[in-house]
Amino acid sequence: MKFITTGKSLKELLKEFGTGSSGFYPQDWYKTELFFEKKPEAGEWNIDFNLKLKKLTYKEQLKKLPKGYTPIHPSVIVEIVLTHYKNTGIRLLKNFYSR
């Protein structure tokens, strides 16, 4: 599926969507991670939601990715999932956790 994202950081998305049923889960562990304030590239993303690497740790997933492939920044997935829910009421990746 193709999506357009703004390039906002997780910190900015948390401020926009908040916590609770329409936003982030109420937890703080990610706020100390380096990726929390990092901004990904804005633009069009083609995302495969088939969850081929589920039930693997992040390090295990990296070993299975093609050489030279860079994983998508978590804020891209968060923006897509939360914006899609806000616009349609349909949850993508329901009961699925990333990183």
PDB file of N, CA and C in Angstrom:
ATOM      1  N   MET A   1       0.835  -1.164   0.000  1.00  0.00           N
ATOM      2  CA  MET A   1       0.000   0.000   0.000  1.00  0.00           C
ATOM      3  C   MET A   1       0.890   1.240   0.000  1.00  0.00           C
ATOM      4  N   LYS A   2       0.455   2.255  -0.703  1.00  0.00           N
ATOM      5  CA  LYS A   2       1.225   3.505  -0.763  1.00  0.00           C
ATOM      6  C   LYS A   2       0.619   4.547   0.178  1.00  0.00           C
ATOM      7  N   PHE A   3       1.507   5.256   0.865  1.00  0.00           N
ATOM      8  CA  PHE A   3       1.106   6.283   1.816  1.00  0.00           C
ATOM      9  C   PHE A   3       2.015   7.493   1.678  1.00  0.00           C
ATOM     10  N   ILE A   4       1.490   8.663   1.997  1.00  0.00           N
ATOM     11  CA  ILE A   4       2.267   9.896   2.028  1.00  0.00           C
ATOM     12  C   ILE A   4       2.469  10.283   3.492  1.00  0.00           C
ATOM     13  N   THR A   5       3.710  10.567   3.877  1.00  0.00           N
ATOM     14  CA  THR A   5       3.987  10.967   5.254  1.00  0.00           C
ATOM     15  C   THR A   5       4.640  12.344   5.280  1.00  0.00           C
ATOM     16  N   THR A   6       4.601  12.975   6.451  1.00  0.00           N
ATOM     17  CA  THR A   6       5.088  14.343   6.614  1.00  0.00           C
ATOM     18  C   THR A   6       6.540  14.430   7.058  1.00  0.00           C
ATOM     19  N   GLY A   7       7.100  13.311   7.530  1.00  0.00           N
ATOM     20  CA  GLY A   7       8.467  13.334   8.030  1.00  0.00           C
ATOM     21  C   GLY A   7       8.571  13.792   9.467  1.00  0.00           C
ATOM     22  N   LYS A   8       7.494  13.676  10.216  1.00  0.00           N
ATOM     23  CA  LYS A   8       7.510  14.078  11.620  1.00  0.00           C
ATOM     24  C   LYS A   8       8.205  13.014  12.470  1.00  0.00           C
ATOM     25  N   SER A   9       8.824  13.480  13.543  1.00  0.00           N
ATOM     26  CA  SER A   9       9.464  12.574  14.499  1.00  0.00           C
ATOM     27  C   SER A   9       8.395  11.932  15.384  1.00  0.00           C
ATOM     28  N   LEU A  10       8.784  10.892  16.108  1.00  0.00           N
ATOM     29  CA  LEU A  10       7.862  10.302  17.075  1.00  0.00           C
ATOM     30  C   LEU A  10       7.443  11.321  18.124  1.00  0.00           C
ATOM     31  N   LYS A  11       8.364  12.171  18.511  1.00  0.00           N
ATOM     32  CA  LYS A  11       8.062  13.214  19.496  1.00  0.00           C
ATOM     33  C   LYS A  11       6.944  14.124  18.980  1.00  0.00           C
ATOM     34  N   GLU A  12       7.034  14.530  17.715  1.00  0.00           N
ATOM     35  CA  GLU A  12       6.010  15.398  17.113  1.00  0.00           C
ATOM     36  C   GLU A  12       4.679  14.666  16.959  1.00  0.00           C
ATOM     37  N   LEU A  13       4.752  13.379  16.581  1.00  0.00           N
ATOM     38  CA  LEU A  13       3.525  12.599  16.416  1.00  0.00           C
ATOM     39  C   LEU A  13       2.837  12.362  17.757  1.00  0.00           C
ATOM     40  N   LEU A  14       3.609  12.164  18.815  1.00  0.00           N
ATOM     41  CA  LEU A  14       3.041  12.006  20.146  1.00  0.00           C
ATOM     42  C   LEU A  14       2.289  13.273  20.549  1.00  0.00           C
ATOM     43  N   LYS A  15       2.868  14.406  20.234  1.00  0.00           N
ATOM     44  CA  LYS A  15       2.214  15.690  20.540  1.00  0.00           C
ATOM     45  C   LYS A  15       0.919  15.843  19.724  1.00  0.00           C
ATOM     46  N   GLU A  16       0.953  15.414  18.459  1.00  0.00           N
ATOM     47  CA  GLU A  16      -0.214  15.541  17.583  1.00  0.00           C
ATOM     48  C   GLU A  16      -1.344  14.579  17.953  1.00  0.00           C
ATOM     49  N   PHE A  17      -1.013  13.311  18.174  1.00  0.00           N
ATOM     50  CA  PHE A  17      -2.038  12.289  18.398  1.00  0.00           C
ATOM     51  C   PHE A  17      -2.309  12.003  19.878  1.00  0.00           C
ATOM     52  N   GLY A  18      -1.369  12.364  20.751  1.00  0.00           N
ATOM     53  CA  GLY A  18      -1.550  12.111  22.173  1.00  0.00           C
ATOM     54  C   GLY A  18      -1.472  10.637  22.523  1.00  0.00           C
ATOM     55  N   THR A  19      -1.940  10.308  23.728  1.00  0.00           N
ATOM     56  CA  THR A  19      -1.986   8.917  24.162  1.00  0.00           C
ATOM     57  C   THR A  19      -3.431   8.505  24.371  1.00  0.00           C
ATOM     58  N   GLY A  20      -3.657   7.223  24.352  1.00  0.00           N
ATOM     59  CA  GLY A  20      -5.015   6.719  24.535  1.00  0.00           C
ATOM     60  C   GLY A  20      -5.518   6.002  23.310  1.00  0.00           C
ATOM     61  N   SER A  21      -6.813   5.870  23.184  1.00  0.00           N
ATOM     62  CA  SER A  21      -7.417   5.030  22.141  1.00  0.00           C
ATOM     63  C   SER A  21      -7.160   5.506  20.715  1.00  0.00           C
ATOM     64  N   SER A  22      -6.848   6.773  20.509  1.00  0.00           N
ATOM     65  CA  SER A  22      -6.597   7.257  19.142  1.00  0.00           C
ATOM     66  C   SER A  22      -5.141   7.645  18.923  1.00  0.00           C
ATOM     67  N   GLY A  23      -4.282   7.282  19.861  1.00  0.00           N
ATOM     68  CA  GLY A  23      -2.881   7.664  19.736  1.00  0.00           C
ATOM     69  C   GLY A  23      -1.932   6.608  20.267  1.00  0.00           C
ATOM     70  N   PHE A  24      -0.903   7.060  20.921  1.00  0.00           N
ATOM     71  CA  PHE A  24       0.134   6.191  21.456  1.00  0.00           C
ATOM     72  C   PHE A  24      -0.364   5.453  22.700  1.00  0.00           C
ATOM     73  N   TYR A  25       0.216   4.296  22.953  1.00  0.00           N
ATOM     74  CA  TYR A  25      -0.049   3.608  24.217  1.00  0.00           C
ATOM     75  C   TYR A  25       0.601   4.426  25.328  1.00  0.00           C
ATOM     76  N   PRO A  26       0.008   4.464  26.507  1.00  0.00           N
ATOM     77  CA  PRO A  26       0.566   5.265  27.603  1.00  0.00           C
ATOM     78  C   PRO A  26       1.800   4.598  28.228  1.00  0.00           C
ATOM     79  N   GLN A  27       2.936   4.817  27.615  1.00  0.00           N
ATOM     80  CA  GLN A  27       4.220   4.312  28.103  1.00  0.00           C
ATOM     81  C   GLN A  27       5.306   5.297  27.700  1.00  0.00           C
ATOM     82  N   ASP A  28       6.441   5.237  28.361  1.00  0.00           N
ATOM     83  CA  ASP A  28       7.481   6.245  28.141  1.00  0.00           C
ATOM     84  C   ASP A  28       8.826   5.700  27.683  1.00  0.00           C
ATOM     85  N   TRP A  29       8.990   4.406  27.553  1.00  0.00           N
ATOM     86  CA  TRP A  29      10.309   3.832  27.294  1.00  0.00           C
ATOM     87  C   TRP A  29      10.988   4.428  26.068  1.00  0.00           C
ATOM     88  N   TYR A  30      10.241   4.738  25.030  1.00  0.00           N
ATOM     89  CA  TYR A  30      10.816   5.199  23.766  1.00  0.00           C
ATOM     90  C   TYR A  30      11.320   6.640  23.815  1.00  0.00           C
ATOM     91  N   LYS A  31      10.908   7.391  24.831  1.00  0.00           N
ATOM     92  CA  LYS A  31      11.295   8.803  24.911  1.00  0.00           C
ATOM     93  C   LYS A  31      12.793   8.997  25.160  1.00  0.00           C
ATOM     94  N   THR A  32      13.485   7.969  25.620  1.00  0.00           N
ATOM     95  CA  THR A  32      14.930   8.059  25.846  1.00  0.00           C
ATOM     96  C   THR A  32      15.733   7.449  24.700  1.00  0.00           C
ATOM     97  N   GLU A  33      15.057   6.907  23.708  1.00  0.00           N
ATOM     98  CA  GLU A  33      15.739   6.287  22.566  1.00  0.00           C
ATOM     99  C   GLU A  33      16.157   7.353  21.547  1.00  0.00           C
ATOM    100  N   LEU A  34      17.242   7.080  20.845  1.00  0.00           N
ATOM    101  CA  LEU A  34      17.750   8.034  19.852  1.00  0.00           C
ATOM    102  C   LEU A  34      16.751   8.310  18.740  1.00  0.00           C
ATOM    103  N   PHE A  35      15.959   7.326  18.377  1.00  0.00           N
ATOM    104  CA  PHE A  35      15.021   7.501  17.261  1.00  0.00           C
ATOM    105  C   PHE A  35      13.806   8.353  17.618  1.00  0.00           C
ATOM    106  N   PHE A  36      13.592   8.679  18.893  1.00  0.00           N
ATOM    107  CA  PHE A  36      12.398   9.424  19.313  1.00  0.00           C
ATOM    108  C   PHE A  36      12.314  10.812  18.673  1.00  0.00           C
ATOM    109  N   GLU A  37      13.426  11.497  18.554  1.00  0.00           N
ATOM    110  CA  GLU A  37      13.414  12.854  17.990  1.00  0.00           C
ATOM    111  C   GLU A  37      13.905  12.917  16.545  1.00  0.00           C
ATOM    112  N   LYS A  38      14.367  11.802  16.017  1.00  0.00           N
ATOM    113  CA  LYS A  38      14.869  11.779  14.642  1.00  0.00           C
ATOM    114  C   LYS A  38      13.701  11.855  13.653  1.00  0.00           C
ATOM    115  N   LYS A  39      13.897  12.659  12.603  1.00  0.00           N
ATOM    116  CA  LYS A  39      12.862  12.821  11.583  1.00  0.00           C
ATOM    117  C   LYS A  39      13.219  11.994  10.346  1.00  0.00           C
ATOM    118  N   PRO A  40      12.293  11.162   9.899  1.00  0.00           N
ATOM    119  CA  PRO A  40      12.529  10.407   8.668  1.00  0.00           C
ATOM    120  C   PRO A  40      12.248  11.281   7.447  1.00  0.00           C
ATOM    121  N   GLU A  41      12.572  10.770   6.308  1.00  0.00           N
ATOM    122  CA  GLU A  41      12.297  11.487   5.068  1.00  0.00           C
ATOM    123  C   GLU A  41      10.784  11.533   4.824  1.00  0.00           C
ATOM    124  N   ALA A  42      10.279  12.697   4.499  1.00  0.00           N
ATOM    125  CA  ALA A  42       8.865  12.847   4.149  1.00  0.00           C
ATOM    126  C   ALA A  42       8.666  12.365   2.718  1.00  0.00           C
ATOM    127  N   GLY A  43       7.456  11.943   2.414  1.00  0.00           N
ATOM    128  CA  GLY A  43       7.162  11.567   1.038  1.00  0.00           C
ATOM    129  C   GLY A  43       6.302  10.328   0.947  1.00  0.00           C
ATOM    130  N   GLU A  44       6.364   9.696  -0.218  1.00  0.00           N
ATOM    131  CA  GLU A  44       5.539   8.522  -0.486  1.00  0.00           C
ATOM    132  C   GLU A  44       6.290   7.258  -0.089  1.00  0.00           C
ATOM    133  N   TRP A  45       5.599   6.395   0.632  1.00  0.00           N
ATOM    134  CA  TRP A  45       6.169   5.128   1.083  1.00  0.00           C
ATOM    135  C   TRP A  45       5.279   3.993   0.609  1.00  0.00           C
ATOM    136  N   ASN A  46       5.884   2.932   0.110  1.00  0.00           N
ATOM    137  CA  ASN A  46       5.159   1.721  -0.266  1.00  0.00           C
ATOM    138  C   ASN A  46       5.404   0.712   0.852  1.00  0.00           C
ATOM    139  N   ILE A  47       4.373   0.426   1.639  1.00  0.00           N
ATOM    140  CA  ILE A  47       4.510  -0.396   2.828  1.00  0.00           C
ATOM    141  C   ILE A  47       3.819  -1.741   2.622  1.00  0.00           C
ATOM    142  N   ASP A  48       4.536  -2.821   2.959  1.00  0.00           N
ATOM    143  CA  ASP A  48       4.002  -4.178   2.904  1.00  0.00           C
ATOM    144  C   ASP A  48       3.597  -4.568   4.324  1.00  0.00           C
ATOM    145  N   PHE A  49       2.306  -4.714   4.565  1.00  0.00           N
ATOM    146  CA  PHE A  49       1.808  -5.047   5.897  1.00  0.00           C
ATOM    147  C   PHE A  49       1.588  -6.548   6.072  1.00  0.00           C
ATOM    148  N   ASN A  50       2.303  -7.380   5.327  1.00  0.00           N
ATOM    149  CA  ASN A  50       2.124  -8.827   5.437  1.00  0.00           C
ATOM    150  C   ASN A  50       2.812  -9.429   6.653  1.00  0.00           C
ATOM    151  N   LEU A  51       3.586  -8.653   7.394  1.00  0.00           N
ATOM    152  CA  LEU A  51       4.201  -9.076   8.649  1.00  0.00           C
ATOM    153  C   LEU A  51       5.041 -10.345   8.497  1.00  0.00           C
ATOM    154  N   LYS A  52       5.872 -10.366   7.484  1.00  0.00           N
ATOM    155  CA  LYS A  52       6.692 -11.544   7.205  1.00  0.00           C
ATOM    156  C   LYS A  52       7.724 -11.834   8.291  1.00  0.00           C
ATOM    157  N   LEU A  53       8.128 -10.823   9.024  1.00  0.00           N
ATOM    158  CA  LEU A  53       9.173 -11.012  10.030  1.00  0.00           C
ATOM    159  C   LEU A  53       8.643 -10.870  11.455  1.00  0.00           C
ATOM    160  N   LYS A  54       7.381 -11.171  11.643  1.00  0.00           N
ATOM    161  CA  LYS A  54       6.823 -11.029  12.991  1.00  0.00           C
ATOM    162  C   LYS A  54       7.363 -12.121  13.911  1.00  0.00           C
ATOM    163  N   LYS A  55       7.241 -11.883  15.197  1.00  0.00           N
ATOM    164  CA  LYS A  55       7.711 -12.775  16.249  1.00  0.00           C
ATOM    165  C   LYS A  55       9.229 -12.948  16.240  1.00  0.00           C
ATOM    166  N   LEU A  56       9.919 -11.945  15.712  1.00  0.00           N
ATOM    167  CA  LEU A  56      11.381 -11.914  15.743  1.00  0.00           C
ATOM    168  C   LEU A  56      11.805 -10.623  16.427  1.00  0.00           C
ATOM    169  N   THR A  57      12.944 -10.658  17.102  1.00  0.00           N
ATOM    170  CA  THR A  57      13.464  -9.420  17.668  1.00  0.00           C
ATOM    171  C   THR A  57      13.930  -8.523  16.531  1.00  0.00           C
ATOM    172  N   TYR A  58      14.165  -7.259  16.853  1.00  0.00           N
ATOM    173  CA  TYR A  58      14.660  -6.320  15.841  1.00  0.00           C
ATOM    174  C   TYR A  58      15.975  -6.811  15.247  1.00  0.00           C
ATOM    175  N   LYS A  59      16.884  -7.311  16.076  1.00  0.00           N
ATOM    176  CA  LYS A  59      18.174  -7.818  15.582  1.00  0.00           C
ATOM    177  C   LYS A  59      17.983  -9.043  14.690  1.00  0.00           C
ATOM    178  N   GLU A  60      17.059  -9.919  15.028  1.00  0.00           N
ATOM    179  CA  GLU A  60      16.770 -11.094  14.198  1.00  0.00           C
ATOM    180  C   GLU A  60      16.181 -10.671  12.853  1.00  0.00           C
ATOM    181  N   GLN A  61      15.314  -9.649  12.878  1.00  0.00           N
ATOM    182  CA  GLN A  61      14.734  -9.144  11.627  1.00  0.00           C
ATOM    183  C   GLN A  61      15.821  -8.586  10.716  1.00  0.00           C
ATOM    184  N   LEU A  62      16.748  -7.825  11.286  1.00  0.00           N
ATOM    185  CA  LEU A  62      17.825  -7.226  10.490  1.00  0.00           C
ATOM    186  C   LEU A  62      18.628  -8.289   9.750  1.00  0.00           C
ATOM    187  N   LYS A  63      18.849  -9.434  10.382  1.00  0.00           N
ATOM    188  CA  LYS A  63      19.615 -10.520   9.762  1.00  0.00           C
ATOM    189  C   LYS A  63      18.885 -11.114   8.564  1.00  0.00           C
ATOM    190  N   LYS A  64      17.565 -11.027   8.524  1.00  0.00           N
ATOM    191  CA  LYS A  64      16.780 -11.617   7.447  1.00  0.00           C
ATOM    192  C   LYS A  64      16.494 -10.645   6.295  1.00  0.00           C
ATOM    193  N   LEU A  65      16.818  -9.372   6.487  1.00  0.00           N
ATOM    194  CA  LEU A  65      16.571  -8.379   5.437  1.00  0.00           C
ATOM    195  C   LEU A  65      17.648  -8.466   4.363  1.00  0.00           C
ATOM    196  N   PRO A  66      17.321  -8.099   3.127  1.00  0.00           N
ATOM    197  CA  PRO A  66      18.318  -8.109   2.059  1.00  0.00           C
ATOM    198  C   PRO A  66      19.498  -7.186   2.398  1.00  0.00           C
ATOM    199  N   LYS A  67      20.670  -7.552   1.927  1.00  0.00           N
ATOM    200  CA  LYS A  67      21.864  -6.747   2.178  1.00  0.00           C
ATOM    201  C   LYS A  67      21.659  -5.332   1.638  1.00  0.00           C
ATOM    202  N   GLY A  68      22.021  -4.337   2.456  1.00  0.00           N
ATOM    203  CA  GLY A  68      21.888  -2.947   2.046  1.00  0.00           C
ATOM    204  C   GLY A  68      20.523  -2.333   2.328  1.00  0.00           C
ATOM    205  N   TYR A  69      19.573  -3.132   2.801  1.00  0.00           N
ATOM    206  CA  TYR A  69      18.236  -2.630   3.095  1.00  0.00           C
ATOM    207  C   TYR A  69      18.241  -1.920   4.445  1.00  0.00           C
ATOM    208  N   THR A  70      17.678  -0.737   4.483  1.00  0.00           N
ATOM    209  CA  THR A  70      17.558   0.013   5.727  1.00  0.00           C
ATOM    210  C   THR A  70      16.113  -0.070   6.198  1.00  0.00           C
ATOM    211  N   PRO A  71      15.885  -0.538   7.425  1.00  0.00           N
ATOM    212  CA  PRO A  71      14.506  -0.620   7.926  1.00  0.00           C
ATOM    213  C   PRO A  71      13.845   0.757   7.971  1.00  0.00           C
ATOM    214  N   ILE A  72      12.546   0.764   7.815  1.00  0.00           N
ATOM    215  CA  ILE A  72      11.771   1.999   7.859  1.00  0.00           C
ATOM    216  C   ILE A  72      11.784   2.545   9.285  1.00  0.00           C
ATOM    217  N   HIS A  73      11.939   3.840   9.390  1.00  0.00           N
ATOM    218  CA  HIS A  73      11.939   4.477  10.706  1.00  0.00           C
ATOM    219  C   HIS A  73      10.580   4.249  11.370  1.00  0.00           C
ATOM    220  N   PRO A  74      10.565   3.977  12.673  1.00  0.00           N
ATOM    221  CA  PRO A  74       9.292   3.718  13.366  1.00  0.00           C
ATOM    222  C   PRO A  74       8.262   4.831  13.224  1.00  0.00           C
ATOM    223  N   SER A  75       8.690   6.078  13.113  1.00  0.00           N
ATOM    224  CA  SER A  75       7.704   7.159  13.023  1.00  0.00           C
ATOM    225  C   SER A  75       6.933   7.122  11.702  1.00  0.00           C
ATOM    226  N   VAL A  76       7.519   6.537  10.663  1.00  0.00           N
ATOM    227  CA  VAL A  76       6.787   6.387   9.393  1.00  0.00           C
ATOM    228  C   VAL A  76       5.602   5.458   9.612  1.00  0.00           C
ATOM    229  N   ILE A  77       5.854   4.314  10.251  1.00  0.00           N
ATOM    230  CA  ILE A  77       4.779   3.356  10.513  1.00  0.00           C
ATOM    231  C   ILE A  77       3.738   3.963  11.451  1.00  0.00           C
ATOM    232  N   VAL A  78       4.194   4.633  12.502  1.00  0.00           N
ATOM    233  CA  VAL A  78       3.263   5.249  13.453  1.00  0.00           C
ATOM    234  C   VAL A  78       2.382   6.279  12.761  1.00  0.00           C
ATOM    235  N   GLU A  79       2.981   7.134  11.937  1.00  0.00           N
ATOM    236  CA  GLU A  79       2.177   8.156  11.249  1.00  0.00           C
ATOM    237  C   GLU A  79       1.150   7.516  10.321  1.00  0.00           C
ATOM    238  N   ILE A  80       1.546   6.492   9.597  1.00  0.00           N
ATOM    239  CA  ILE A  80       0.627   5.818   8.677  1.00  0.00           C
ATOM    240  C   ILE A  80      -0.522   5.178   9.448  1.00  0.00           C
ATOM    241  N   VAL A  81      -0.204   4.441  10.501  1.00  0.00           N
ATOM    242  CA  VAL A  81      -1.227   3.726  11.257  1.00  0.00           C
ATOM    243  C   VAL A  81      -2.196   4.691  11.943  1.00  0.00           C
ATOM    244  N   LEU A  82      -1.668   5.711  12.614  1.00  0.00           N
ATOM    245  CA  LEU A  82      -2.546   6.637  13.340  1.00  0.00           C
ATOM    246  C   LEU A  82      -3.346   7.541  12.406  1.00  0.00           C
ATOM    247  N   THR A  83      -2.748   7.991  11.303  1.00  0.00           N
ATOM    248  CA  THR A  83      -3.483   8.823  10.341  1.00  0.00           C
ATOM    249  C   THR A  83      -4.581   8.010   9.669  1.00  0.00           C
ATOM    250  N   HIS A  84      -4.265   6.774   9.309  1.00  0.00           N
ATOM    251  CA  HIS A  84      -5.270   5.907   8.676  1.00  0.00           C
ATOM    252  C   HIS A  84      -6.450   5.682   9.627  1.00  0.00           C
ATOM    253  N   TYR A  85      -6.160   5.429  10.898  1.00  0.00           N
ATOM    254  CA  TYR A  85      -7.233   5.236  11.878  1.00  0.00           C
ATOM    255  C   TYR A  85      -8.069   6.508  12.047  1.00  0.00           C
ATOM    256  N   LYS A  86      -7.396   7.641  12.122  1.00  0.00           N
ATOM    257  CA  LYS A  86      -8.094   8.922  12.280  1.00  0.00           C
ATOM    258  C   LYS A  86      -9.030   9.182  11.094  1.00  0.00           C
ATOM    259  N   ASN A  87      -8.587   8.840   9.890  1.00  0.00           N
ATOM    260  CA  ASN A  87      -9.365   9.128   8.683  1.00  0.00           C
ATOM    261  C   ASN A  87     -10.442   8.092   8.370  1.00  0.00           C
ATOM    262  N   THR A  88     -10.233   6.846   8.799  1.00  0.00           N
ATOM    263  CA  THR A  88     -11.150   5.775   8.387  1.00  0.00           C
ATOM    264  C   THR A  88     -11.828   5.044   9.543  1.00  0.00           C
ATOM    265  N   GLY A  89     -11.247   5.137  10.746  1.00  0.00           N
ATOM    266  CA  GLY A  89     -11.759   4.356  11.867  1.00  0.00           C
ATOM    267  C   GLY A  89     -11.300   2.904  11.828  1.00  0.00           C
ATOM    268  N   ILE A  90     -10.462   2.570  10.861  1.00  0.00           N
ATOM    269  CA  ILE A  90      -9.945   1.203  10.713  1.00  0.00           C
ATOM    270  C   ILE A  90      -8.508   1.156  11.212  1.00  0.00           C
ATOM    271  N   ARG A  91      -8.228   0.185  12.070  1.00  0.00           N
ATOM    272  CA  ARG A  91      -6.883   0.037  12.629  1.00  0.00           C
ATOM    273  C   ARG A  91      -6.034  -0.892  11.766  1.00  0.00           C
ATOM    274  N   LEU A  92      -4.918  -0.364  11.313  1.00  0.00           N
ATOM    275  CA  LEU A  92      -3.918  -1.197  10.646  1.00  0.00           C
ATOM    276  C   LEU A  92      -3.040  -1.797  11.745  1.00  0.00           C
ATOM    277  N   LEU A  93      -2.543  -2.983  11.531  1.00  0.00           N
ATOM    278  CA  LEU A  93      -1.636  -3.643  12.470  1.00  0.00           C
ATOM    279  C   LEU A  93      -2.246  -3.796  13.861  1.00  0.00           C
ATOM    280  N   LYS A  94      -3.508  -4.094  13.914  1.00  0.00           N
ATOM    281  CA  LYS A  94      -4.185  -4.290  15.195  1.00  0.00           C
ATOM    282  C   LYS A  94      -3.513  -5.444  15.942  1.00  0.00           C
ATOM    283  N   ASN A  95      -3.256  -5.238  17.207  1.00  0.00           N
ATOM    284  CA  ASN A  95      -2.586  -6.229  18.059  1.00  0.00           C
ATOM    285  C   ASN A  95      -1.185  -6.583  17.582  1.00  0.00           C
ATOM    286  N   PHE A  96      -0.515  -5.642  16.969  1.00  0.00           N
ATOM    287  CA  PHE A  96       0.853  -5.849  16.488  1.00  0.00           C
ATOM    288  C   PHE A  96       1.724  -4.730  17.046  1.00  0.00           C
ATOM    289  N   TYR A  97       2.895  -5.089  17.471  1.00  0.00           N
ATOM    290  CA  TYR A  97       3.832  -4.126  18.023  1.00  0.00           C
ATOM    291  C   TYR A  97       5.089  -4.086  17.173  1.00  0.00           C
ATOM    292  N   SER A  98       5.657  -2.941  16.991  1.00  0.00           N
ATOM    293  CA  SER A  98       6.874  -2.785  16.202  1.00  0.00           C
ATOM    294  C   SER A  98       7.985  -2.259  17.094  1.00  0.00           C
ATOM    295  N   ARG A  99       9.132  -2.898  17.004  1.00  0.00           N
ATOM    296  CA  ARG A  99      10.325  -2.552  17.774  1.00  0.00           C
ATOM    297  C   ARG A  99      10.020  -2.524  19.231  1.00  0.00           C
TER     298      ARG A  99
END
